[in-house]
Amino acid sequence: MKRINQRGFTLTELLIALFVLAVVLLALSTMVYSVMRATTQSKGMAAATTLAEDRMERLKNVNFGALTSGSNSTILGNITYNCNWNIGASGNIKTITVTVSWTDRVSHSVSLTSLRGG
């Protein structure tokens, strides 16, 4: 008996199509994971930079003779940002260095340095 106008896919064609789809979905999921990780790191870097800039501006507004080193911590979301500032003196010029560090999966830090004359 001869079949006429058979329509549909064979089992082999379906298995090949499923394999190709699995490879494409695996590549997409890897890309999505990388983008999410980069976004998280970028948010942390932006927050740390903002905290460092804020501390630097506060230190620039302190009386020159009253500048001292120190540290504090700020919690944003579920991440703790540790801010340390060091004041180095050379004559009547002080070097202000602000470093903000945090850990999400690995340790990161942002440092700003400025000179201030008195």
N, C-alpha and C. Protein backbone atom coordinates (compact mmCIF):
# COMPACT_ATOMS: atom_id res chain seq x y z
N MET A 1 0.84 -1.16 0.00
CA MET A 1 0.00 0.00 0.00
C MET A 1 0.89 1.23 0.00
N LYS A 2 0.70 2.10 -0.93
CA LYS A 2 1.51 3.28 -1.11
C LYS A 2 0.79 4.47 -0.49
N ARG A 3 1.55 5.26 0.34
CA ARG A 3 0.95 6.43 0.99
C ARG A 3 1.19 7.64 0.11
N ILE A 4 0.19 8.44 -0.02
CA ILE A 4 0.28 9.65 -0.84
C ILE A 4 0.11 10.87 0.06
N ASN A 5 0.93 11.92 -0.22
CA ASN A 5 0.85 13.20 0.52
C ASN A 5 1.03 13.03 2.02
N GLN A 6 2.09 12.35 2.40
CA GLN A 6 2.38 12.24 3.82
C GLN A 6 2.87 13.59 4.32
N ARG A 7 2.36 14.05 5.44
CA ARG A 7 2.78 15.31 6.04
C ARG A 7 3.28 15.04 7.44
N GLY A 8 4.17 15.96 7.92
CA GLY A 8 4.69 15.80 9.27
C GLY A 8 6.20 15.63 9.24
N PHE A 9 6.74 15.36 10.41
CA PHE A 9 8.18 15.22 10.56
C PHE A 9 8.51 13.83 11.04
N THR A 10 9.69 13.40 10.67
CA THR A 10 10.14 12.11 11.18
C THR A 10 10.72 12.32 12.57
N LEU A 11 10.91 11.23 13.27
CA LEU A 11 11.47 11.30 14.61
C LEU A 11 12.89 11.87 14.58
N THR A 12 13.64 11.52 13.57
CA THR A 12 15.01 12.03 13.45
C THR A 12 15.02 13.55 13.27
N GLU A 13 14.15 14.06 12.46
CA GLU A 13 14.06 15.52 12.25
C GLU A 13 13.68 16.24 13.54
N LEU A 14 12.77 15.66 14.29
CA LEU A 14 12.37 16.26 15.57
C LEU A 14 13.51 16.26 16.56
N LEU A 15 14.28 15.19 16.65
CA LEU A 15 15.41 15.12 17.56
C LEU A 15 16.49 16.13 17.19
N ILE A 16 16.75 16.29 15.91
CA ILE A 16 17.74 17.28 15.46
C ILE A 16 17.25 18.69 15.80
N ALA A 17 15.99 18.97 15.57
CA ALA A 17 15.43 20.29 15.89
C ALA A 17 15.51 20.57 17.40
N LEU A 18 15.22 19.58 18.22
CA LEU A 18 15.30 19.75 19.68
C LEU A 18 16.74 19.98 20.12
N PHE A 19 17.69 19.29 19.51
CA PHE A 19 19.10 19.49 19.83
C PHE A 19 19.54 20.91 19.48
N VAL A 20 19.18 21.38 18.30
CA VAL A 20 19.53 22.75 17.89
C VAL A 20 18.89 23.76 18.85
N LEU A 21 17.64 23.55 19.21
CA LEU A 21 16.97 24.45 20.15
C LEU A 21 17.66 24.44 21.51
N ALA A 22 18.09 23.28 21.99
CA ALA A 22 18.79 23.20 23.29
C ALA A 22 20.10 23.96 23.25
N VAL A 23 20.85 23.84 22.14
CA VAL A 23 22.12 24.56 22.01
C VAL A 23 21.88 26.07 22.01
N VAL A 24 20.87 26.52 21.30
CA VAL A 24 20.55 27.96 21.25
C VAL A 24 20.13 28.46 22.63
N LEU A 25 19.29 27.71 23.33
CA LEU A 25 18.84 28.13 24.66
C LEU A 25 19.99 28.15 25.66
N LEU A 26 20.91 27.21 25.56
CA LEU A 26 22.08 27.20 26.44
C LEU A 26 22.94 28.44 26.20
N ALA A 27 23.15 28.80 24.95
CA ALA A 27 23.93 30.00 24.64
C ALA A 27 23.24 31.26 25.16
N LEU A 28 21.94 31.33 25.01
CA LEU A 28 21.18 32.49 25.51
C LEU A 28 21.24 32.58 27.03
N SER A 29 21.11 31.45 27.71
CA SER A 29 21.13 31.49 29.17
C SER A 29 22.51 31.92 29.68
N THR A 30 23.57 31.50 29.02
CA THR A 30 24.92 31.93 29.40
C THR A 30 25.07 33.42 29.21
N MET A 31 24.56 33.95 28.12
CA MET A 31 24.63 35.38 27.85
C MET A 31 23.83 36.18 28.88
N VAL A 32 22.65 35.71 29.22
CA VAL A 32 21.81 36.40 30.21
C VAL A 32 22.51 36.43 31.56
N TYR A 33 23.14 35.32 31.95
CA TYR A 33 23.87 35.27 33.21
C TYR A 33 25.02 36.28 33.22
N SER A 34 25.75 36.36 32.12
CA SER A 34 26.87 37.32 32.03
C SER A 34 26.37 38.76 32.12
N VAL A 35 25.28 39.06 31.48
CA VAL A 35 24.72 40.41 31.53
C VAL A 35 24.25 40.74 32.94
N MET A 36 23.62 39.80 33.61
CA MET A 36 23.16 40.05 34.98
C MET A 36 24.33 40.28 35.92
N ARG A 37 25.40 39.52 35.77
CA ARG A 37 26.59 39.69 36.60
C ARG A 37 27.25 41.04 36.34
N ALA A 38 27.33 41.45 35.08
CA ALA A 38 27.92 42.74 34.74
C ALA A 38 27.07 43.89 35.27
N THR A 39 25.77 43.74 35.24
CA THR A 39 24.87 44.77 35.76
C THR A 39 25.03 44.92 37.26
N THR A 40 25.14 43.81 37.98
CA THR A 40 25.34 43.85 39.43
C THR A 40 26.66 44.53 39.77
N GLN A 41 27.71 44.19 39.03
CA GLN A 41 29.02 44.80 39.28
C GLN A 41 28.98 46.29 38.97
N SER A 42 28.28 46.67 37.92
CA SER A 42 28.18 48.08 37.55
C SER A 42 27.42 48.87 38.61
N LYS A 43 26.35 48.30 39.15
CA LYS A 43 25.60 48.97 40.22
C LYS A 43 26.46 49.17 41.46
N GLY A 44 27.24 48.15 41.82
CA GLY A 44 28.14 48.27 42.96
C GLY A 44 29.19 49.34 42.75
N MET A 45 29.75 49.39 41.55
CA MET A 45 30.77 50.39 41.23
C MET A 45 30.18 51.80 41.28
N ALA A 46 28.98 51.97 40.75
CA ALA A 46 28.34 53.29 40.78
C ALA A 46 28.05 53.73 42.21
N ALA A 47 27.55 52.81 43.03
CA ALA A 47 27.26 53.16 44.43
C ALA A 47 28.54 53.52 45.18
N ALA A 48 29.60 52.74 44.98
CA ALA A 48 30.87 53.00 45.67
C ALA A 48 31.47 54.33 45.22
N THR A 49 31.40 54.63 43.94
CA THR A 49 31.92 55.90 43.43
C THR A 49 31.15 57.07 44.00
N THR A 50 29.85 56.94 44.09
CA THR A 50 29.03 58.00 44.68
C THR A 50 29.38 58.22 46.15
N LEU A 51 29.54 57.12 46.90
CA LEU A 51 29.92 57.25 48.31
C LEU A 51 31.30 57.89 48.46
N ALA A 52 32.25 57.52 47.60
CA ALA A 52 33.60 58.10 47.67
C ALA A 52 33.57 59.59 47.32
N GLU A 53 32.82 59.95 46.30
CA GLU A 53 32.71 61.36 45.93
C GLU A 53 32.06 62.18 47.04
N ASP A 54 31.02 61.62 47.66
CA ASP A 54 30.35 62.31 48.76
C ASP A 54 31.31 62.54 49.92
N ARG A 55 32.07 61.52 50.30
CA ARG A 55 33.03 61.67 51.41
C ARG A 55 34.11 62.68 51.04
N MET A 56 34.58 62.66 49.79
CA MET A 56 35.61 63.60 49.36
C MET A 56 35.09 65.04 49.46
N GLU A 57 33.87 65.26 49.04
CA GLU A 57 33.30 66.61 49.13
C GLU A 57 33.16 67.06 50.59
N ARG A 58 32.74 66.14 51.46
CA ARG A 58 32.65 66.49 52.88
C ARG A 58 34.01 66.85 53.45
N LEU A 59 35.04 66.10 53.06
CA LEU A 59 36.38 66.38 53.57
C LEU A 59 36.94 67.69 53.01
N LYS A 60 36.57 68.04 51.81
CA LYS A 60 37.02 69.30 51.23
C LYS A 60 36.41 70.49 51.95
N ASN A 61 35.25 70.29 52.59
CA ASN A 61 34.58 71.37 53.30
C ASN A 61 34.97 71.46 54.78
N VAL A 62 35.84 70.57 55.25
CA VAL A 62 36.31 70.61 56.64
C VAL A 62 37.47 71.60 56.73
N ASN A 63 37.55 72.30 57.87
CA ASN A 63 38.66 73.23 58.11
C ASN A 63 39.98 72.49 57.90
N PHE A 64 40.92 73.13 57.23
CA PHE A 64 42.19 72.50 56.85
C PHE A 64 42.91 71.87 58.05
N GLY A 65 42.95 72.56 59.17
CA GLY A 65 43.64 72.06 60.35
C GLY A 65 42.92 70.92 61.04
N ALA A 66 41.63 70.75 60.75
CA ALA A 66 40.84 69.71 61.42
C ALA A 66 40.72 68.42 60.62
N LEU A 67 41.38 68.34 59.47
CA LEU A 67 41.31 67.13 58.65
C LEU A 67 42.00 65.96 59.35
N THR A 68 41.27 64.86 59.53
CA THR A 68 41.84 63.66 60.13
C THR A 68 41.38 62.43 59.35
N SER A 69 42.15 61.37 59.45
CA SER A 69 41.77 60.11 58.81
C SER A 69 40.63 59.47 59.56
N GLY A 70 39.92 58.56 58.90
CA GLY A 70 38.81 57.88 59.55
C GLY A 70 38.19 56.84 58.65
N SER A 71 37.09 56.28 59.11
CA SER A 71 36.38 55.26 58.33
C SER A 71 34.93 55.19 58.79
N ASN A 72 34.10 54.64 57.92
CA ASN A 72 32.71 54.34 58.27
C ASN A 72 32.19 53.27 57.33
N SER A 73 31.02 52.75 57.61
CA SER A 73 30.38 51.74 56.77
C SER A 73 28.99 52.18 56.41
N THR A 74 28.57 51.83 55.21
CA THR A 74 27.22 52.12 54.74
C THR A 74 26.65 50.86 54.13
N ILE A 75 25.41 50.55 54.47
CA ILE A 75 24.75 49.38 53.90
C ILE A 75 23.73 49.86 52.88
N LEU A 76 23.89 49.42 51.65
CA LEU A 76 22.94 49.71 50.57
C LEU A 76 22.46 48.38 50.01
N GLY A 77 21.16 48.15 50.09
CA GLY A 77 20.65 46.85 49.68
C GLY A 77 21.15 45.80 50.66
N ASN A 78 21.83 44.81 50.16
CA ASN A 78 22.40 43.79 51.04
C ASN A 78 23.93 43.80 50.99
N ILE A 79 24.50 44.92 50.56
CA ILE A 79 25.95 45.04 50.44
C ILE A 79 26.46 46.10 51.39
N THR A 80 27.51 45.80 52.14
CA THR A 80 28.14 46.75 53.05
C THR A 80 29.33 47.38 52.35
N TYR A 81 29.33 48.70 52.28
CA TYR A 81 30.42 49.46 51.67
C TYR A 81 31.25 50.06 52.80
N ASN A 82 32.54 49.72 52.84
CA ASN A 82 33.45 50.25 53.85
C ASN A 82 34.23 51.41 53.25
N CYS A 83 34.12 52.56 53.88
CA CYS A 83 34.77 53.77 53.40
C CYS A 83 35.91 54.15 54.35
N ASN A 84 37.12 54.26 53.82
CA ASN A 84 38.28 54.67 54.59
C ASN A 84 38.87 55.91 53.93
N TRP A 85 39.23 56.90 54.75
CA TRP A 85 39.89 58.07 54.20
C TRP A 85 41.16 58.34 54.99
N ASN A 86 42.21 58.65 54.25
CA ASN A 86 43.52 58.92 54.84
C ASN A 86 43.96 60.32 54.46
N ILE A 87 44.52 61.01 55.44
CA ILE A 87 45.02 62.37 55.23
C ILE A 87 46.54 62.33 55.39
N GLY A 88 47.25 62.65 54.33
CA GLY A 88 48.70 62.73 54.38
C GLY A 88 49.12 64.18 54.26
N ALA A 89 50.11 64.61 55.05
CA ALA A 89 50.54 66.01 55.03
C ALA A 89 51.96 66.11 54.50
N SER A 90 52.18 67.15 53.70
CA SER A 90 53.51 67.46 53.20
C SER A 90 53.59 68.99 53.13
N GLY A 91 54.19 69.57 54.13
CA GLY A 91 54.20 71.04 54.21
C GLY A 91 52.80 71.55 54.50
N ASN A 92 52.35 72.50 53.69
CA ASN A 92 50.99 73.00 53.88
C ASN A 92 50.04 72.44 52.81
N ILE A 93 50.39 71.25 52.27
CA ILE A 93 49.52 70.54 51.33
C ILE A 93 49.15 69.20 51.95
N LYS A 94 47.86 68.89 51.91
CA LYS A 94 47.40 67.61 52.43
C LYS A 94 46.85 66.78 51.27
N THR A 95 47.20 65.51 51.31
CA THR A 95 46.69 64.55 50.32
C THR A 95 45.53 63.80 50.96
N ILE A 96 44.38 63.88 50.31
CA ILE A 96 43.18 63.19 50.79
C ILE A 96 42.93 61.99 49.88
N THR A 97 42.92 60.80 50.47
CA THR A 97 42.63 59.58 49.71
C THR A 97 41.42 58.91 50.33
N VAL A 98 40.40 58.72 49.52
CA VAL A 98 39.17 58.05 49.96
C VAL A 98 39.08 56.72 49.21
N THR A 99 38.92 55.63 49.95
CA THR A 99 38.79 54.30 49.35
C THR A 99 37.50 53.66 49.86
N VAL A 100 36.68 53.21 48.94
CA VAL A 100 35.45 52.49 49.29
C VAL A 100 35.62 51.07 48.77
N SER A 101 35.43 50.10 49.67
CA SER A 101 35.55 48.69 49.28
C SER A 101 34.27 47.95 49.64
N TRP A 102 33.99 46.91 48.88
CA TRP A 102 32.81 46.08 49.13
C TRP A 102 33.06 44.70 48.55
N THR A 103 32.26 43.75 48.98
CA THR A 103 32.36 42.38 48.49
C THR A 103 30.98 41.91 48.09
N ASP A 104 30.84 41.48 46.84
CA ASP A 104 29.62 40.78 46.44
C ASP A 104 29.98 39.31 46.25
N ARG A 105 30.57 38.96 45.15
CA ARG A 105 31.13 37.61 45.01
C ARG A 105 32.64 37.65 45.20
N VAL A 106 33.23 38.77 44.80
CA VAL A 106 34.66 39.00 44.98
C VAL A 106 34.83 40.40 45.56
N SER A 107 36.01 40.73 46.00
CA SER A 107 36.27 42.05 46.59
C SER A 107 36.52 43.08 45.49
N HIS A 108 35.97 44.27 45.72
CA HIS A 108 36.13 45.39 44.79
C HIS A 108 36.51 46.62 45.61
N SER A 109 37.10 47.62 44.96
CA SER A 109 37.35 48.89 45.64
C SER A 109 37.45 50.02 44.62
N VAL A 110 37.14 51.22 45.10
CA VAL A 110 37.24 52.45 44.33
C VAL A 110 38.03 53.43 45.17
N SER A 111 39.02 54.10 44.56
CA SER A 111 39.82 55.08 45.32
C SER A 111 39.82 56.42 44.59
N LEU A 112 39.71 57.49 45.37
CA LEU A 112 39.82 58.85 44.86
C LEU A 112 40.89 59.56 45.66
N THR A 113 41.70 60.37 44.98
CA THR A 113 42.75 61.14 45.66
C THR A 113 42.66 62.59 45.22
N SER A 114 42.85 63.48 46.22
CA SER A 114 42.81 64.92 45.95
C SER A 114 43.87 65.62 46.81
N LEU A 115 44.37 66.73 46.32
CA LEU A 115 45.32 67.57 47.08
C LEU A 115 44.58 68.79 47.57
N ARG A 116 44.93 69.20 48.79
CA ARG A 116 44.31 70.41 49.34
C ARG A 116 45.37 71.23 50.05
N GLY A 117 45.42 72.49 49.68
CA GLY A 117 46.38 73.41 50.30
C GLY A 117 45.73 74.21 51.40
N GLY A 118 46.56 74.60 52.35
CA GLY A 118 46.01 75.33 53.49
C GLY A 118 46.66 76.61 53.59
